[in-house]
Amino acid sequence: QLAVFPEFKEAVEHESNGKFAKALPAYERTFDSLHAAIGIESPLTTSLLYRMSNLHRYLGQYNKSLNLLQTYIPKIQNNLEDKIKLQQLQSVVHLLAQQPQEALSVAESSVKLCEEQDHHQNNPLSRLFSSVYGQLGICYLVNQDLHEAETFLQMSCRWAETPTEQLISTANNGSLLWYRLANNPPNTPESFNYWKVQQE
């Protein structure tokens, strides 16, 4: 549906050619028009918000990305799936901006939103569990809370459904293992105790 907007097509072309700075103004004009016409809840509007914020991220403009996300995410009340996806992007940008505590707080909010819907039969957000648990686990890892990191990264593996999710969740658990080994080399007491606990 967005393809009917000439400026959107122009932005996509620039983005596909790696010209992110040229793509942004065209995305912004399309976003402003749609936001005024149909509001922030529409998947069309949230898709543009994600694209704009992500391009600022690619350009290293973390403050601009966060400003966009922090302005509009609180206004999304009904489109929870897109809200969570935007929060996950926000958490990633906080990590890139060297703001691990803020990243953790946003990741916790995403998990809470998913889990609050779990009482519904066939929870429509259940397909996001692997992703949100993985993001939370990575945030705990960056914050050096290895116990919580392990808990949520393993939960991410258990909820992984698609091959891509399985690959990402396994790689994230590998990152935790690498971190443990890098800080507690094999044959040290700390390493031995960790593996002993895992085998019990």
C-alpha atoms as a PDB file:
ATOM      1  CA  GLN A   1       0.000   0.000   0.000  1.00  0.00           C
ATOM      2  CA  LEU A   2       2.861   2.376   0.712  1.00  0.00           C
ATOM      3  CA  ALA A   3       4.053   1.894  -2.863  1.00  0.00           C
ATOM      4  CA  VAL A   4       1.276   4.225  -4.074  1.00  0.00           C
ATOM      5  CA  PHE A   5       3.229   7.142  -2.583  1.00  0.00           C
ATOM      6  CA  PRO A   6       5.863   8.380  -5.078  1.00  0.00           C
ATOM      7  CA  GLU A   7       8.063   9.681  -2.270  1.00  0.00           C
ATOM      8  CA  PHE A   8       8.011   6.282  -0.572  1.00  0.00           C
ATOM      9  CA  LYS A   9       9.151   4.595  -3.790  1.00  0.00           C
ATOM     10  CA  GLU A  10      11.899   7.205  -4.081  1.00  0.00           C
ATOM     11  CA  ALA A  11      12.999   6.557  -0.479  1.00  0.00           C
ATOM     12  CA  VAL A  12      13.085   2.772  -0.990  1.00  0.00           C
ATOM     13  CA  GLU A  13      15.224   3.204  -4.093  1.00  0.00           C
ATOM     14  CA  HIS A  14      17.704   5.412  -2.228  1.00  0.00           C
ATOM     15  CA  GLU A  15      17.797   2.983   0.705  1.00  0.00           C
ATOM     16  CA  SER A  16      18.361  -0.045  -1.532  1.00  0.00           C
ATOM     17  CA  ASN A  17      21.339   1.793  -3.049  1.00  0.00           C
ATOM     18  CA  GLY A  18      22.772   2.559   0.386  1.00  0.00           C
ATOM     19  CA  LYS A  19      21.976   6.276   0.140  1.00  0.00           C
ATOM     20  CA  PHE A  20      20.420   6.481   3.587  1.00  0.00           C
ATOM     21  CA  ALA A  21      20.774  10.243   4.010  1.00  0.00           C
ATOM     22  CA  LYS A  22      18.833  10.811   0.773  1.00  0.00           C
ATOM     23  CA  ALA A  23      16.167   8.279   1.722  1.00  0.00           C
ATOM     24  CA  LEU A  24      15.342   9.890   5.066  1.00  0.00           C
ATOM     25  CA  PRO A  25      13.682  13.137   3.855  1.00  0.00           C
ATOM     26  CA  ALA A  26      11.384  11.193   1.510  1.00  0.00           C
ATOM     27  CA  TYR A  27      10.425   8.778   4.291  1.00  0.00           C
ATOM     28  CA  GLU A  28       9.819  11.715   6.630  1.00  0.00           C
ATOM     29  CA  ARG A  29       7.468  13.451   4.187  1.00  0.00           C
ATOM     30  CA  THR A  30       5.502  10.246   3.675  1.00  0.00           C
ATOM     31  CA  PHE A  31       5.363   9.658   7.421  1.00  0.00           C
ATOM     32  CA  ASP A  32       4.121  13.194   8.130  1.00  0.00           C
ATOM     33  CA  SER A  33       1.333  12.825   5.551  1.00  0.00           C
ATOM     34  CA  LEU A  34       0.184   9.441   6.837  1.00  0.00           C
ATOM     35  CA  HIS A  35       0.471  10.393  10.489  1.00  0.00           C
ATOM     36  CA  ALA A  36      -1.771  13.410   9.882  1.00  0.00           C
ATOM     37  CA  ALA A  37      -4.281  11.365   7.868  1.00  0.00           C
ATOM     38  CA  ILE A  38      -4.578   8.036   9.700  1.00  0.00           C
ATOM     39  CA  GLY A  39      -2.639   8.410  12.966  1.00  0.00           C
ATOM     40  CA  ILE A  40       0.213   6.518  14.586  1.00  0.00           C
ATOM     41  CA  GLU A  41      -1.691   3.263  15.191  1.00  0.00           C
ATOM     42  CA  SER A  42      -1.745   2.266  11.531  1.00  0.00           C
ATOM     43  CA  PRO A  43       0.779  -0.405  10.506  1.00  0.00           C
ATOM     44  CA  LEU A  44       1.622   1.818   7.544  1.00  0.00           C
ATOM     45  CA  THR A  45       2.661   4.650   9.854  1.00  0.00           C
ATOM     46  CA  THR A  46       4.560   2.433  12.276  1.00  0.00           C
ATOM     47  CA  SER A  47       6.378   0.811   9.347  1.00  0.00           C
ATOM     48  CA  LEU A  48       7.632   4.231   8.267  1.00  0.00           C
ATOM     49  CA  LEU A  49       8.601   5.106  11.823  1.00  0.00           C
ATOM     50  CA  TYR A  50      10.669   1.917  11.991  1.00  0.00           C
ATOM     51  CA  ARG A  51      12.351   2.644   8.677  1.00  0.00           C
ATOM     52  CA  MET A  52      13.252   6.215   9.645  1.00  0.00           C
ATOM     53  CA  SER A  53      14.574   5.246  13.059  1.00  0.00           C
ATOM     54  CA  ASN A  54      16.561   2.371  11.604  1.00  0.00           C
ATOM     55  CA  LEU A  55      18.185   4.600   8.976  1.00  0.00           C
ATOM     56  CA  HIS A  56      19.249   7.060  11.682  1.00  0.00           C
ATOM     57  CA  ARG A  57      20.733   4.058  13.455  1.00  0.00           C
ATOM     58  CA  TYR A  58      22.660   2.994  10.342  1.00  0.00           C
ATOM     59  CA  LEU A  59      23.974   6.537   9.989  1.00  0.00           C
ATOM     60  CA  GLY A  60      25.167   6.508  13.601  1.00  0.00           C
ATOM     61  CA  GLN A  61      22.621   9.188  14.519  1.00  0.00           C
ATOM     62  CA  TYR A  62      21.530   7.437  17.679  1.00  0.00           C
ATOM     63  CA  ASN A  63      20.030  10.500  19.375  1.00  0.00           C
ATOM     64  CA  LYS A  64      17.798  11.223  16.374  1.00  0.00           C
ATOM     65  CA  SER A  65      16.689   7.607  16.249  1.00  0.00           C
ATOM     66  CA  LEU A  66      15.895   7.577  19.961  1.00  0.00           C
ATOM     67  CA  ASN A  67      14.092  10.927  19.788  1.00  0.00           C
ATOM     68  CA  LEU A  68      11.741   9.561  17.128  1.00  0.00           C
ATOM     69  CA  LEU A  69      11.068   6.340  19.000  1.00  0.00           C
ATOM     70  CA  GLN A  70      10.630   7.995  22.393  1.00  0.00           C
ATOM     71  CA  THR A  71       8.221  10.529  20.879  1.00  0.00           C
ATOM     72  CA  TYR A  72       5.879   8.109  19.137  1.00  0.00           C
ATOM     73  CA  ILE A  73       6.056   4.746  20.937  1.00  0.00           C
ATOM     74  CA  PRO A  74       4.127   5.989  24.018  1.00  0.00           C
ATOM     75  CA  LYS A  75       1.303   7.101  21.703  1.00  0.00           C
ATOM     76  CA  ILE A  76       0.753   3.582  20.370  1.00  0.00           C
ATOM     77  CA  GLN A  77      -1.892   1.914  22.540  1.00  0.00           C
ATOM     78  CA  ASN A  78      -3.578  -0.707  20.358  1.00  0.00           C
ATOM     79  CA  ASN A  79      -1.083  -1.879  17.745  1.00  0.00           C
ATOM     80  CA  LEU A  80       0.932  -3.850  20.300  1.00  0.00           C
ATOM     81  CA  GLU A  81       2.888  -6.003  17.855  1.00  0.00           C
ATOM     82  CA  ASP A  82       4.402  -3.007  16.083  1.00  0.00           C
ATOM     83  CA  LYS A  83       4.890  -1.219  19.412  1.00  0.00           C
ATOM     84  CA  ILE A  84       6.989  -4.125  20.673  1.00  0.00           C
ATOM     85  CA  LYS A  85       9.035  -4.253  17.462  1.00  0.00           C
ATOM     86  CA  LEU A  86       9.734  -0.526  17.793  1.00  0.00           C
ATOM     87  CA  GLN A  87      10.710  -1.006  21.438  1.00  0.00           C
ATOM     88  CA  GLN A  88      13.150  -3.718  20.410  1.00  0.00           C
ATOM     89  CA  LEU A  89      14.746  -1.318  17.941  1.00  0.00           C
ATOM     90  CA  GLN A  90      14.881   1.305  20.680  1.00  0.00           C
ATOM     91  CA  SER A  91      16.645  -1.126  22.989  1.00  0.00           C
ATOM     92  CA  VAL A  92      19.220  -1.921  20.282  1.00  0.00           C
ATOM     93  CA  VAL A  93      19.886   1.761  19.657  1.00  0.00           C
ATOM     94  CA  HIS A  94      20.367   2.357  23.391  1.00  0.00           C
ATOM     95  CA  LEU A  95      22.992  -0.399  23.379  1.00  0.00           C
ATOM     96  CA  LEU A  96      24.757   1.153  20.405  1.00  0.00           C
ATOM     97  CA  ALA A  97      24.644   4.528  22.157  1.00  0.00           C
ATOM     98  CA  GLN A  98      26.376   2.963  25.190  1.00  0.00           C
ATOM     99  CA  GLN A  99      23.273   3.223  27.350  1.00  0.00           C
ATOM    100  CA  PRO A 100      22.940  -0.340  28.705  1.00  0.00           C
ATOM    101  CA  GLN A 101      20.592   0.471  31.591  1.00  0.00           C
ATOM    102  CA  GLU A 102      18.147   2.252  29.288  1.00  0.00           C
ATOM    103  CA  ALA A 103      18.350  -0.652  26.842  1.00  0.00           C
ATOM    104  CA  LEU A 104      17.533  -3.094  29.640  1.00  0.00           C
ATOM    105  CA  SER A 105      14.555  -1.056  30.811  1.00  0.00           C
ATOM    106  CA  VAL A 106      13.034  -0.940  27.309  1.00  0.00           C
ATOM    107  CA  ALA A 107      13.653  -4.666  26.765  1.00  0.00           C
ATOM    108  CA  GLU A 108      11.899  -5.443  30.061  1.00  0.00           C
ATOM    109  CA  SER A 109       8.933  -3.364  28.914  1.00  0.00           C
ATOM    110  CA  SER A 110       8.696  -5.384  25.678  1.00  0.00           C
ATOM    111  CA  VAL A 111       8.664  -8.668  27.588  1.00  0.00           C
ATOM    112  CA  LYS A 112       6.013  -7.339  29.966  1.00  0.00           C
ATOM    113  CA  LEU A 113       3.767  -6.313  27.064  1.00  0.00           C
ATOM    114  CA  CYS A 114       4.045  -9.789  25.521  1.00  0.00           C
ATOM    115  CA  GLU A 115       3.471 -11.623  28.774  1.00  0.00           C
ATOM    116  CA  GLU A 116       0.462  -9.478  29.693  1.00  0.00           C
ATOM    117  CA  GLN A 117      -1.321 -10.871  26.619  1.00  0.00           C
ATOM    118  CA  ASP A 118      -0.465 -14.487  27.441  1.00  0.00           C
ATOM    119  CA  HIS A 119      -3.778 -15.076  29.205  1.00  0.00           C
ATOM    120  CA  HIS A 120      -5.509 -14.786  25.813  1.00  0.00           C
ATOM    121  CA  GLN A 121      -6.093 -18.028  23.968  1.00  0.00           C
ATOM    122  CA  ASN A 122      -3.813 -18.145  20.928  1.00  0.00           C
ATOM    123  CA  ASN A 123      -1.910 -15.099  22.100  1.00  0.00           C
ATOM    124  CA  PRO A 124      -1.164 -13.160  18.888  1.00  0.00           C
ATOM    125  CA  LEU A 125       2.085 -11.900  20.388  1.00  0.00           C
ATOM    126  CA  SER A 126       3.455 -15.342  21.258  1.00  0.00           C
ATOM    127  CA  ARG A 127       5.471 -15.383  18.036  1.00  0.00           C
ATOM    128  CA  LEU A 128       7.480 -12.461  19.441  1.00  0.00           C
ATOM    129  CA  PHE A 129       8.537 -14.296  22.612  1.00  0.00           C
ATOM    130  CA  SER A 130      11.789 -15.668  21.188  1.00  0.00           C
ATOM    131  CA  SER A 131      12.801 -12.217  19.976  1.00  0.00           C
ATOM    132  CA  VAL A 132      11.902 -10.271  23.127  1.00  0.00           C
ATOM    133  CA  TYR A 133      13.451 -12.845  25.462  1.00  0.00           C
ATOM    134  CA  GLY A 134      16.599 -12.828  23.338  1.00  0.00           C
ATOM    135  CA  GLN A 135      16.851  -9.041  23.407  1.00  0.00           C
ATOM    136  CA  LEU A 136      16.357  -9.005  27.173  1.00  0.00           C
ATOM    137  CA  GLY A 137      19.007 -11.705  27.584  1.00  0.00           C
ATOM    138  CA  ILE A 138      21.513  -9.700  25.541  1.00  0.00           C
ATOM    139  CA  CYS A 139      20.774  -6.599  27.623  1.00  0.00           C
ATOM    140  CA  TYR A 140      21.424  -8.549  30.821  1.00  0.00           C
ATOM    141  CA  LEU A 141      24.651  -9.851  29.300  1.00  0.00           C
ATOM    142  CA  VAL A 142      25.811  -6.331  28.445  1.00  0.00           C
ATOM    143  CA  ASN A 143      24.914  -5.300  31.984  1.00  0.00           C
ATOM    144  CA  GLN A 144      26.979  -8.285  33.213  1.00  0.00           C
ATOM    145  CA  ASP A 145      24.103 -10.043  34.949  1.00  0.00           C
ATOM    146  CA  LEU A 146      25.042 -13.474  33.641  1.00  0.00           C
ATOM    147  CA  HIS A 147      22.446 -15.432  35.607  1.00  0.00           C
ATOM    148  CA  GLU A 148      19.530 -13.453  34.166  1.00  0.00           C
ATOM    149  CA  ALA A 149      21.199 -13.404  30.743  1.00  0.00           C
ATOM    150  CA  GLU A 150      21.354 -17.202  30.724  1.00  0.00           C
ATOM    151  CA  THR A 151      17.733 -17.526  31.863  1.00  0.00           C
ATOM    152  CA  PHE A 152      16.301 -15.353  29.098  1.00  0.00           C
ATOM    153  CA  LEU A 153      18.631 -16.508  26.323  1.00  0.00           C
ATOM    154  CA  GLN A 154      17.600 -20.099  27.035  1.00  0.00           C
ATOM    155  CA  MET A 155      13.938 -19.051  27.040  1.00  0.00           C
ATOM    156  CA  SER A 156      14.551 -17.446  23.658  1.00  0.00           C
ATOM    157  CA  CYS A 157      15.808 -20.804  22.362  1.00  0.00           C
ATOM    158  CA  ARG A 158      12.769 -22.628  23.701  1.00  0.00           C
ATOM    159  CA  TRP A 159      10.370 -20.219  22.002  1.00  0.00           C
ATOM    160  CA  ALA A 160      12.231 -20.140  18.672  1.00  0.00           C
ATOM    161  CA  GLU A 161       9.990 -21.433  15.880  1.00  0.00           C
ATOM    162  CA  THR A 162      11.480 -20.418  12.541  1.00  0.00           C
ATOM    163  CA  PRO A 163      14.955 -21.455  11.324  1.00  0.00           C
ATOM    164  CA  THR A 164      16.053 -17.810  11.564  1.00  0.00           C
ATOM    165  CA  GLU A 165      14.900 -17.551  15.184  1.00  0.00           C
ATOM    166  CA  GLN A 166      16.633 -20.825  16.014  1.00  0.00           C
ATOM    167  CA  LEU A 167      19.870 -19.601  14.443  1.00  0.00           C
ATOM    168  CA  ILE A 168      19.782 -16.222  16.212  1.00  0.00           C
ATOM    169  CA  SER A 169      18.859 -17.637  19.614  1.00  0.00           C
ATOM    170  CA  THR A 170      21.586 -20.279  19.365  1.00  0.00           C
ATOM    171  CA  ALA A 171      24.134 -17.632  18.370  1.00  0.00           C
ATOM    172  CA  ASN A 172      23.094 -15.446  21.302  1.00  0.00           C
ATOM    173  CA  ASN A 173      23.598 -18.356  23.699  1.00  0.00           C
ATOM    174  CA  GLY A 174      26.977 -18.867  22.071  1.00  0.00           C
ATOM    175  CA  SER A 175      27.810 -15.237  22.877  1.00  0.00           C
ATOM    176  CA  LEU A 176      27.093 -15.925  26.541  1.00  0.00           C
ATOM    177  CA  LEU A 177      29.278 -19.027  26.465  1.00  0.00           C
ATOM    178  CA  TRP A 178      32.097 -17.078  24.783  1.00  0.00           C
ATOM    179  CA  TYR A 179      31.792 -14.336  27.410  1.00  0.00           C
ATOM    180  CA  ARG A 180      32.020 -16.865  30.238  1.00  0.00           C
ATOM    181  CA  LEU A 181      35.036 -18.593  28.742  1.00  0.00           C
ATOM    182  CA  ALA A 182      36.759 -15.298  27.941  1.00  0.00           C
ATOM    183  CA  ASN A 183      36.417 -14.195  31.545  1.00  0.00           C
ATOM    184  CA  ASN A 184      36.893 -17.639  33.122  1.00  0.00           C
ATOM    185  CA  PRO A 185      39.309 -19.615  30.914  1.00  0.00           C
ATOM    186  CA  PRO A 186      39.077 -23.429  30.970  1.00  0.00           C
ATOM    187  CA  ASN A 187      40.735 -25.213  33.894  1.00  0.00           C
ATOM    188  CA  THR A 188      40.142 -22.277  36.247  1.00  0.00           C
ATOM    189  CA  PRO A 189      38.051 -22.923  39.388  1.00  0.00           C
ATOM    190  CA  GLU A 190      35.327 -20.553  38.162  1.00  0.00           C
ATOM    191  CA  SER A 191      35.037 -22.331  34.826  1.00  0.00           C
ATOM    192  CA  PHE A 192      34.991 -25.765  36.475  1.00  0.00           C
ATOM    193  CA  ASN A 193      32.237 -24.721  38.881  1.00  0.00           C
ATOM    194  CA  TYR A 194      30.101 -23.354  36.032  1.00  0.00           C
ATOM    195  CA  TRP A 195      30.297 -26.555  33.997  1.00  0.00           C
ATOM    196  CA  LYS A 196      29.734 -28.689  37.092  1.00  0.00           C
ATOM    197  CA  VAL A 197      26.487 -26.832  37.832  1.00  0.00           C
ATOM    198  CA  GLN A 198      25.357 -27.202  34.219  1.00  0.00           C
ATOM    199  CA  GLN A 199      25.855 -30.971  34.313  1.00  0.00           C
ATOM    200  CA  GLU A 200      23.968 -31.529  37.582  1.00  0.00           C
END
